Amino acid sequence: MRHASVLLMLWCLALFAQERVATVLGSESRTAISAFSSLGEVVLPAIHLRLELNPPTRSEHLIDVVVVYDPQSGRYFWVYTPVTDAADNGSYLNDLQNGTEGVYVGSTALVNFISLGPNFEIQEHGRRADSLDAAERAAIDEIRKQLPKLTDSYETGFKVVNVSRDVGSGFACEPYPPRANCGFGVKRIVSVSREGDDWRLVIRNRWDQEIILDSQFKLVSTRRLPNPEK
């Protein structure tokens, strides 16, 4: 009897651990995003869903999750956005679909470029799964395991590149009259490509700006393009 009680307790603990992250009923949908590659633009399948955290992590009870998958290489990544209100439609998926964030399909990793104010946060993702469904399961499992220390929106570390100082505030705001609350912003990532070992980004706001990064994502140079890039 004592042995059975111990087994029951372990089963209950395992069940509780599994239920700490649950998919919100009806929240899951399949979609696709545009990405960049050495062959030009490609389309990657993705899954969008919301997860309920129990107990909440810090003040987060619901998170909006996007899982992006590359069928050719099997690589995937996931990103989450805290949901402050159940009616909130904010999601990283919106940024991927409107072009303010970008994904590059490389030979060794998926790389996503996230524009946050004056910075680009850049992440390389080399994890693999056999399918989009398997990538979703792996992502949920990774989120479950990271709950005690889930403080960032991404499952891996990221590299930060500050470009606003070199590009200048005029990229986002008219110089006159001066605006104290003018913030650097990217309306669209027009293209991401490789030139040898370097990265070439073209970002758009009031004009198109070229940004060259080295293989370690350090800023090499930047210039204003004379004409919008198609």
C-alpha atoms as a PDB file:
ATOM      1  CA  MET A   1       0.000   0.000   0.000  1.00  0.00           C
ATOM      2  CA  ARG A   2       2.804   2.367   0.877  1.00  0.00           C
ATOM      3  CA  HIS A   3       4.457   1.620  -2.472  1.00  0.00           C
ATOM      4  CA  ALA A   4       1.179   2.398  -4.252  1.00  0.00           C
ATOM      5  CA  SER A   5       0.850   5.689  -2.344  1.00  0.00           C
ATOM      6  CA  VAL A   6       4.345   6.730  -3.390  1.00  0.00           C
ATOM      7  CA  LEU A   7       3.567   5.927  -7.020  1.00  0.00           C
ATOM      8  CA  LEU A   8       0.326   7.901  -6.814  1.00  0.00           C
ATOM      9  CA  MET A   9       2.159  10.899  -5.367  1.00  0.00           C
ATOM     10  CA  LEU A  10       4.782  10.778  -8.116  1.00  0.00           C
ATOM     11  CA  TRP A  11       2.056  10.487 -10.749  1.00  0.00           C
ATOM     12  CA  CYS A  12       0.244  13.512  -9.296  1.00  0.00           C
ATOM     13  CA  LEU A  13       3.465  15.543  -9.250  1.00  0.00           C
ATOM     14  CA  ALA A  14       4.174  14.611 -12.877  1.00  0.00           C
ATOM     15  CA  LEU A  15       0.619  15.536 -13.858  1.00  0.00           C
ATOM     16  CA  PHE A  16       0.918  18.890 -12.096  1.00  0.00           C
ATOM     17  CA  ALA A  17       4.181  19.607 -13.896  1.00  0.00           C
ATOM     18  CA  GLN A  18       2.531  18.819 -17.235  1.00  0.00           C
ATOM     19  CA  GLU A  19      -0.438  21.065 -16.480  1.00  0.00           C
ATOM     20  CA  ARG A  20       1.686  24.079 -15.586  1.00  0.00           C
ATOM     21  CA  VAL A  21       1.610  25.024 -19.278  1.00  0.00           C
ATOM     22  CA  ALA A  22      -1.686  24.460 -21.094  1.00  0.00           C
ATOM     23  CA  THR A  23      -2.818  25.558 -24.557  1.00  0.00           C
ATOM     24  CA  VAL A  24      -5.751  27.960 -24.422  1.00  0.00           C
ATOM     25  CA  LEU A  25      -8.696  26.232 -26.072  1.00  0.00           C
ATOM     26  CA  GLY A  26      -9.318  27.495 -29.608  1.00  0.00           C
ATOM     27  CA  SER A  27      -6.202  29.684 -29.680  1.00  0.00           C
ATOM     28  CA  GLU A  28      -4.061  27.556 -32.003  1.00  0.00           C
ATOM     29  CA  SER A  29      -3.850  28.354 -35.695  1.00  0.00           C
ATOM     30  CA  ARG A  30      -1.499  27.576 -38.583  1.00  0.00           C
ATOM     31  CA  THR A  31      -0.110  30.322 -40.733  1.00  0.00           C
ATOM     32  CA  ALA A  32       2.974  31.241 -42.768  1.00  0.00           C
ATOM     33  CA  ILE A  33       5.541  34.022 -42.820  1.00  0.00           C
ATOM     34  CA  SER A  34       7.892  35.414 -45.446  1.00  0.00           C
ATOM     35  CA  ALA A  35      11.604  34.975 -44.810  1.00  0.00           C
ATOM     36  CA  PHE A  36      14.860  35.806 -46.552  1.00  0.00           C
ATOM     37  CA  SER A  37      17.397  33.336 -47.912  1.00  0.00           C
ATOM     38  CA  SER A  38      20.307  33.130 -50.330  1.00  0.00           C
ATOM     39  CA  LEU A  39      17.738  32.317 -53.041  1.00  0.00           C
ATOM     40  CA  GLY A  40      15.533  35.300 -52.237  1.00  0.00           C
ATOM     41  CA  GLU A  41      12.276  35.341 -50.313  1.00  0.00           C
ATOM     42  CA  VAL A  42      10.835  32.046 -49.087  1.00  0.00           C
ATOM     43  CA  VAL A  43       7.741  31.103 -47.099  1.00  0.00           C
ATOM     44  CA  LEU A  44       7.998  29.292 -43.761  1.00  0.00           C
ATOM     45  CA  PRO A  45       5.113  27.570 -41.965  1.00  0.00           C
ATOM     46  CA  ALA A  46       4.331  28.705 -38.436  1.00  0.00           C
ATOM     47  CA  ILE A  47       1.980  27.967 -35.559  1.00  0.00           C
ATOM     48  CA  HIS A  48       0.375  30.680 -33.447  1.00  0.00           C
ATOM     49  CA  LEU A  49      -1.125  29.835 -30.051  1.00  0.00           C
ATOM     50  CA  ARG A  50      -1.617  31.049 -26.512  1.00  0.00           C
ATOM     51  CA  LEU A  51      -0.474  29.261 -23.405  1.00  0.00           C
ATOM     52  CA  GLU A  52      -1.818  29.519 -19.883  1.00  0.00           C
ATOM     53  CA  LEU A  53       0.826  29.447 -17.151  1.00  0.00           C
ATOM     54  CA  ASN A  54      -0.203  27.980 -13.827  1.00  0.00           C
ATOM     55  CA  PRO A  55       1.067  29.290 -11.529  1.00  0.00           C
ATOM     56  CA  PRO A  56       1.852  32.551 -13.343  1.00  0.00           C
ATOM     57  CA  THR A  57       5.472  33.493 -14.000  1.00  0.00           C
ATOM     58  CA  ARG A  58       5.953  36.854 -12.312  1.00  0.00           C
ATOM     59  CA  SER A  59       2.776  38.674 -13.435  1.00  0.00           C
ATOM     60  CA  GLU A  60       2.358  36.645 -16.626  1.00  0.00           C
ATOM     61  CA  HIS A  61      -0.589  34.303 -16.751  1.00  0.00           C
ATOM     62  CA  LEU A  62      -1.091  34.135 -20.525  1.00  0.00           C
ATOM     63  CA  ILE A  63       1.599  34.242 -23.202  1.00  0.00           C
ATOM     64  CA  ASP A  64       1.228  34.501 -26.963  1.00  0.00           C
ATOM     65  CA  VAL A  65       3.577  32.057 -28.714  1.00  0.00           C
ATOM     66  CA  VAL A  66       4.765  31.802 -32.308  1.00  0.00           C
ATOM     67  CA  VAL A  67       6.693  28.757 -33.536  1.00  0.00           C
ATOM     68  CA  VAL A  68       8.478  29.144 -36.896  1.00  0.00           C
ATOM     69  CA  TYR A  69       9.723  26.073 -38.778  1.00  0.00           C
ATOM     70  CA  ASP A  70      11.918  25.505 -41.815  1.00  0.00           C
ATOM     71  CA  PRO A  71      10.884  22.227 -43.532  1.00  0.00           C
ATOM     72  CA  GLN A  72      14.098  22.048 -45.564  1.00  0.00           C
ATOM     73  CA  SER A  73      16.498  21.997 -42.616  1.00  0.00           C
ATOM     74  CA  GLY A  74      14.128  21.042 -39.789  1.00  0.00           C
ATOM     75  CA  ARG A  75      15.244  24.057 -37.763  1.00  0.00           C
ATOM     76  CA  TYR A  76      12.774  26.033 -35.699  1.00  0.00           C
ATOM     77  CA  PHE A  77      12.481  28.772 -33.117  1.00  0.00           C
ATOM     78  CA  TRP A  78       9.795  30.101 -30.818  1.00  0.00           C
ATOM     79  CA  VAL A  79       9.017  33.544 -29.479  1.00  0.00           C
ATOM     80  CA  TYR A  80       6.516  34.599 -26.862  1.00  0.00           C
ATOM     81  CA  THR A  81       4.775  37.857 -25.989  1.00  0.00           C
ATOM     82  CA  PRO A  82       3.170  38.424 -22.556  1.00  0.00           C
ATOM     83  CA  VAL A  83      -0.612  38.906 -22.749  1.00  0.00           C
ATOM     84  CA  THR A  84      -1.804  41.518 -20.286  1.00  0.00           C
ATOM     85  CA  ASP A  85      -5.452  41.205 -21.295  1.00  0.00           C
ATOM     86  CA  ALA A  86      -7.269  38.232 -22.816  1.00  0.00           C
ATOM     87  CA  ALA A  87      -8.662  40.572 -25.504  1.00  0.00           C
ATOM     88  CA  ASP A  88      -5.168  41.809 -26.401  1.00  0.00           C
ATOM     89  CA  ASN A  89      -4.316  40.870 -29.996  1.00  0.00           C
ATOM     90  CA  GLY A  90      -0.648  41.773 -29.734  1.00  0.00           C
ATOM     91  CA  SER A  91       1.677  39.103 -31.045  1.00  0.00           C
ATOM     92  CA  TYR A  92       5.149  38.724 -32.477  1.00  0.00           C
ATOM     93  CA  LEU A  93       3.354  37.198 -35.456  1.00  0.00           C
ATOM     94  CA  ASN A  94       2.076  40.670 -36.388  1.00  0.00           C
ATOM     95  CA  ASP A  95       5.654  41.968 -36.557  1.00  0.00           C
ATOM     96  CA  LEU A  96       6.753  39.025 -38.699  1.00  0.00           C
ATOM     97  CA  GLN A  97       3.876  39.457 -41.120  1.00  0.00           C
ATOM     98  CA  ASN A  98       4.109  43.240 -41.490  1.00  0.00           C
ATOM     99  CA  GLY A  99       7.868  43.142 -42.020  1.00  0.00           C
ATOM    100  CA  THR A 100       9.066  45.018 -38.940  1.00  0.00           C
ATOM    101  CA  GLU A 101      10.917  41.848 -37.927  1.00  0.00           C
ATOM    102  CA  GLY A 102      12.807  39.553 -40.248  1.00  0.00           C
ATOM    103  CA  VAL A 103      13.977  35.949 -40.476  1.00  0.00           C
ATOM    104  CA  TYR A 104      16.891  34.682 -42.553  1.00  0.00           C
ATOM    105  CA  VAL A 105      17.142  31.008 -43.520  1.00  0.00           C
ATOM    106  CA  GLY A 106      20.851  30.272 -43.376  1.00  0.00           C
ATOM    107  CA  SER A 107      22.862  27.139 -44.064  1.00  0.00           C
ATOM    108  CA  THR A 108      23.559  26.555 -40.368  1.00  0.00           C
ATOM    109  CA  ALA A 109      20.751  28.356 -38.540  1.00  0.00           C
ATOM    110  CA  LEU A 110      17.558  30.358 -38.676  1.00  0.00           C
ATOM    111  CA  VAL A 111      18.390  33.940 -37.764  1.00  0.00           C
ATOM    112  CA  ASN A 112      15.757  36.404 -36.622  1.00  0.00           C
ATOM    113  CA  PHE A 113      16.292  40.153 -36.553  1.00  0.00           C
ATOM    114  CA  ILE A 114      14.186  41.985 -33.980  1.00  0.00           C
ATOM    115  CA  SER A 115      14.034  45.785 -34.046  1.00  0.00           C
ATOM    116  CA  LEU A 116      13.558  47.206 -30.559  1.00  0.00           C
ATOM    117  CA  GLY A 117      13.894  50.979 -30.406  1.00  0.00           C
ATOM    118  CA  PRO A 118      17.511  51.905 -31.139  1.00  0.00           C
ATOM    119  CA  ASN A 119      18.658  48.298 -31.115  1.00  0.00           C
ATOM    120  CA  PHE A 120      18.540  45.199 -33.226  1.00  0.00           C
ATOM    121  CA  GLU A 121      18.389  41.989 -31.233  1.00  0.00           C
ATOM    122  CA  ILE A 122      19.683  39.120 -33.331  1.00  0.00           C
ATOM    123  CA  GLN A 123      19.374  35.439 -32.571  1.00  0.00           C
ATOM    124  CA  GLU A 124      20.622  32.285 -34.255  1.00  0.00           C
ATOM    125  CA  HIS A 125      18.562  29.112 -33.904  1.00  0.00           C
ATOM    126  CA  GLY A 126      20.014  25.710 -34.726  1.00  0.00           C
ATOM    127  CA  ARG A 127      17.568  23.368 -32.996  1.00  0.00           C
ATOM    128  CA  ARG A 128      15.811  20.796 -35.152  1.00  0.00           C
ATOM    129  CA  ALA A 129      12.511  18.953 -35.196  1.00  0.00           C
ATOM    130  CA  ASP A 130      11.003  16.410 -37.575  1.00  0.00           C
ATOM    131  CA  SER A 131       7.922  18.501 -38.371  1.00  0.00           C
ATOM    132  CA  LEU A 132       6.075  21.687 -37.480  1.00  0.00           C
ATOM    133  CA  ASP A 133       3.964  19.722 -34.985  1.00  0.00           C
ATOM    134  CA  ALA A 134       7.113  18.313 -33.404  1.00  0.00           C
ATOM    135  CA  ALA A 135       8.582  21.812 -33.229  1.00  0.00           C
ATOM    136  CA  GLU A 136       5.448  23.024 -31.432  1.00  0.00           C
ATOM    137  CA  ARG A 137       5.667  20.194 -28.904  1.00  0.00           C
ATOM    138  CA  ALA A 138       9.361  20.884 -28.358  1.00  0.00           C
ATOM    139  CA  ALA A 139       8.710  24.610 -27.903  1.00  0.00           C
ATOM    140  CA  ILE A 140       5.992  24.000 -25.297  1.00  0.00           C
ATOM    141  CA  ASP A 141       8.257  21.560 -23.489  1.00  0.00           C
ATOM    142  CA  GLU A 142      11.102  24.093 -23.511  1.00  0.00           C
ATOM    143  CA  ILE A 143       8.797  26.784 -22.136  1.00  0.00           C
ATOM    144  CA  ARG A 144       7.585  24.387 -19.431  1.00  0.00           C
ATOM    145  CA  LYS A 145      11.160  23.589 -18.387  1.00  0.00           C
ATOM    146  CA  GLN A 146      12.149  27.264 -18.350  1.00  0.00           C
ATOM    147  CA  LEU A 147       9.181  28.504 -16.320  1.00  0.00           C
ATOM    148  CA  PRO A 148      11.166  29.079 -13.108  1.00  0.00           C
ATOM    149  CA  LYS A 149      13.560  31.397 -14.966  1.00  0.00           C
ATOM    150  CA  LEU A 150      11.448  32.542 -17.902  1.00  0.00           C
ATOM    151  CA  THR A 151      12.399  36.217 -18.046  1.00  0.00           C
ATOM    152  CA  ASP A 152      13.106  36.772 -21.752  1.00  0.00           C
ATOM    153  CA  SER A 153      10.853  36.363 -24.768  1.00  0.00           C
ATOM    154  CA  TYR A 154      13.213  33.992 -26.549  1.00  0.00           C
ATOM    155  CA  GLU A 155      14.593  30.563 -25.841  1.00  0.00           C
ATOM    156  CA  THR A 156      18.211  31.426 -26.618  1.00  0.00           C
ATOM    157  CA  GLY A 157      20.547  34.321 -26.005  1.00  0.00           C
ATOM    158  CA  PHE A 158      20.623  37.252 -28.381  1.00  0.00           C
ATOM    159  CA  LYS A 159      23.176  39.732 -29.636  1.00  0.00           C
ATOM    160  CA  VAL A 160      22.383  43.438 -29.429  1.00  0.00           C
ATOM    161  CA  VAL A 161      23.463  45.944 -32.076  1.00  0.00           C
ATOM    162  CA  ASN A 162      22.784  49.651 -31.546  1.00  0.00           C
ATOM    163  CA  VAL A 163      22.386  51.322 -34.932  1.00  0.00           C
ATOM    164  CA  SER A 164      20.527  54.531 -34.067  1.00  0.00           C
ATOM    165  CA  ARG A 165      23.654  56.496 -33.171  1.00  0.00           C
ATOM    166  CA  ASP A 166      25.225  55.834 -36.576  1.00  0.00           C
ATOM    167  CA  VAL A 167      22.019  56.104 -38.612  1.00  0.00           C
ATOM    168  CA  GLY A 168      20.789  59.279 -36.891  1.00  0.00           C
ATOM    169  CA  SER A 169      17.397  60.360 -35.550  1.00  0.00           C
ATOM    170  CA  GLY A 170      16.418  61.876 -38.900  1.00  0.00           C
ATOM    171  CA  PHE A 171      15.805  58.335 -40.140  1.00  0.00           C
ATOM    172  CA  ALA A 172      12.634  58.221 -38.061  1.00  0.00           C
ATOM    173  CA  CYS A 173      11.709  61.883 -37.431  1.00  0.00           C
ATOM    174  CA  GLU A 174      11.679  65.160 -39.293  1.00  0.00           C
ATOM    175  CA  PRO A 175      14.587  67.282 -38.001  1.00  0.00           C
ATOM    176  CA  TYR A 176      12.463  70.428 -37.743  1.00  0.00           C
ATOM    177  CA  PRO A 177      10.769  71.208 -35.554  1.00  0.00           C
ATOM    178  CA  PRO A 178      12.799  69.063 -33.161  1.00  0.00           C
ATOM    179  CA  ARG A 179      10.821  66.504 -31.178  1.00  0.00           C
ATOM    180  CA  ALA A 180      11.913  65.581 -27.699  1.00  0.00           C
ATOM    181  CA  ASN A 181       9.966  62.318 -27.839  1.00  0.00           C
ATOM    182  CA  CYS A 182      11.252  61.155 -31.212  1.00  0.00           C
ATOM    183  CA  GLY A 183      12.199  57.513 -30.995  1.00  0.00           C
ATOM    184  CA  PHE A 184      14.249  55.517 -33.469  1.00  0.00           C
ATOM    185  CA  GLY A 185      12.069  53.009 -35.265  1.00  0.00           C
ATOM    186  CA  VAL A 186      12.054  50.626 -38.225  1.00  0.00           C
ATOM    187  CA  LYS A 187       8.871  50.510 -40.281  1.00  0.00           C
ATOM    188  CA  ARG A 188      10.049  47.574 -42.362  1.00  0.00           C
ATOM    189  CA  ILE A 189      13.039  45.309 -42.871  1.00  0.00           C
ATOM    190  CA  VAL A 190      13.262  45.433 -46.649  1.00  0.00           C
ATOM    191  CA  SER A 191      15.917  42.764 -47.100  1.00  0.00           C
ATOM    192  CA  VAL A 192      18.457  40.575 -45.303  1.00  0.00           C
ATOM    193  CA  SER A 193      21.273  38.987 -47.280  1.00  0.00           C
ATOM    194  CA  ARG A 194      24.841  37.743 -47.016  1.00  0.00           C
ATOM    195  CA  GLU A 195      27.790  39.333 -48.767  1.00  0.00           C
ATOM    196  CA  GLY A 196      30.688  36.989 -48.161  1.00  0.00           C
ATOM    197  CA  ASP A 197      30.932  36.636 -44.381  1.00  0.00           C
ATOM    198  CA  ASP A 198      29.094  39.909 -43.791  1.00  0.00           C
ATOM    199  CA  TRP A 199      25.399  40.599 -43.346  1.00  0.00           C
ATOM    200  CA  ARG A 200      23.571  43.260 -45.358  1.00  0.00           C
ATOM    201  CA  LEU A 201      20.320  44.676 -43.993  1.00  0.00           C
ATOM    202  CA  VAL A 202      18.148  47.308 -45.613  1.00  0.00           C
ATOM    203  CA  ILE A 203      15.727  49.000 -43.216  1.00  0.00           C
ATOM    204  CA  ARG A 204      13.011  51.511 -44.059  1.00  0.00           C
ATOM    205  CA  ASN A 205      11.476  54.501 -42.342  1.00  0.00           C
ATOM    206  CA  ARG A 206      11.703  57.978 -43.894  1.00  0.00           C
ATOM    207  CA  TRP A 207      14.243  56.511 -46.321  1.00  0.00           C
ATOM    208  CA  ASP A 208      16.033  53.205 -46.924  1.00  0.00           C
ATOM    209  CA  GLN A 209      19.195  52.642 -44.912  1.00  0.00           C
ATOM    210  CA  GLU A 210      21.827  49.996 -45.608  1.00  0.00           C
ATOM    211  CA  ILE A 211      23.477  48.346 -42.603  1.00  0.00           C
ATOM    212  CA  ILE A 212      26.512  46.070 -42.925  1.00  0.00           C
ATOM    213  CA  LEU A 213      27.318  43.726 -40.028  1.00  0.00           C
ATOM    214  CA  ASP A 214      30.252  41.343 -39.763  1.00  0.00           C
ATOM    215  CA  SER A 215      29.902  37.606 -39.140  1.00  0.00           C
ATOM    216  CA  GLN A 216      29.614  38.288 -35.394  1.00  0.00           C
ATOM    217  CA  PHE A 217      26.861  40.883 -35.994  1.00  0.00           C
ATOM    218  CA  LYS A 218      29.057  43.859 -35.174  1.00  0.00           C
ATOM    219  CA  LEU A 219      28.362  47.059 -37.095  1.00  0.00           C
ATOM    220  CA  VAL A 220      30.770  47.586 -39.998  1.00  0.00           C
ATOM    221  CA  SER A 221      29.159  50.469 -41.890  1.00  0.00           C
ATOM    222  CA  THR A 222      25.885  52.135 -42.730  1.00  0.00           C
ATOM    223  CA  ARG A 223      24.698  54.505 -45.430  1.00  0.00           C
ATOM    224  CA  ARG A 224      21.545  56.118 -46.701  1.00  0.00           C
ATOM    225  CA  LEU A 225      20.453  54.626 -50.008  1.00  0.00           C
ATOM    226  CA  PRO A 226      19.685  57.122 -52.760  1.00  0.00           C
ATOM    227  CA  ASN A 227      16.587  55.241 -53.920  1.00  0.00           C
ATOM    228  CA  PRO A 228      14.127  52.899 -52.208  1.00  0.00           C
ATOM    229  CA  GLU A 229      15.121  49.272 -52.604  1.00  0.00           C
ATOM    230  CA  LYS A 230      12.516  46.986 -54.113  1.00  0.00           C
END
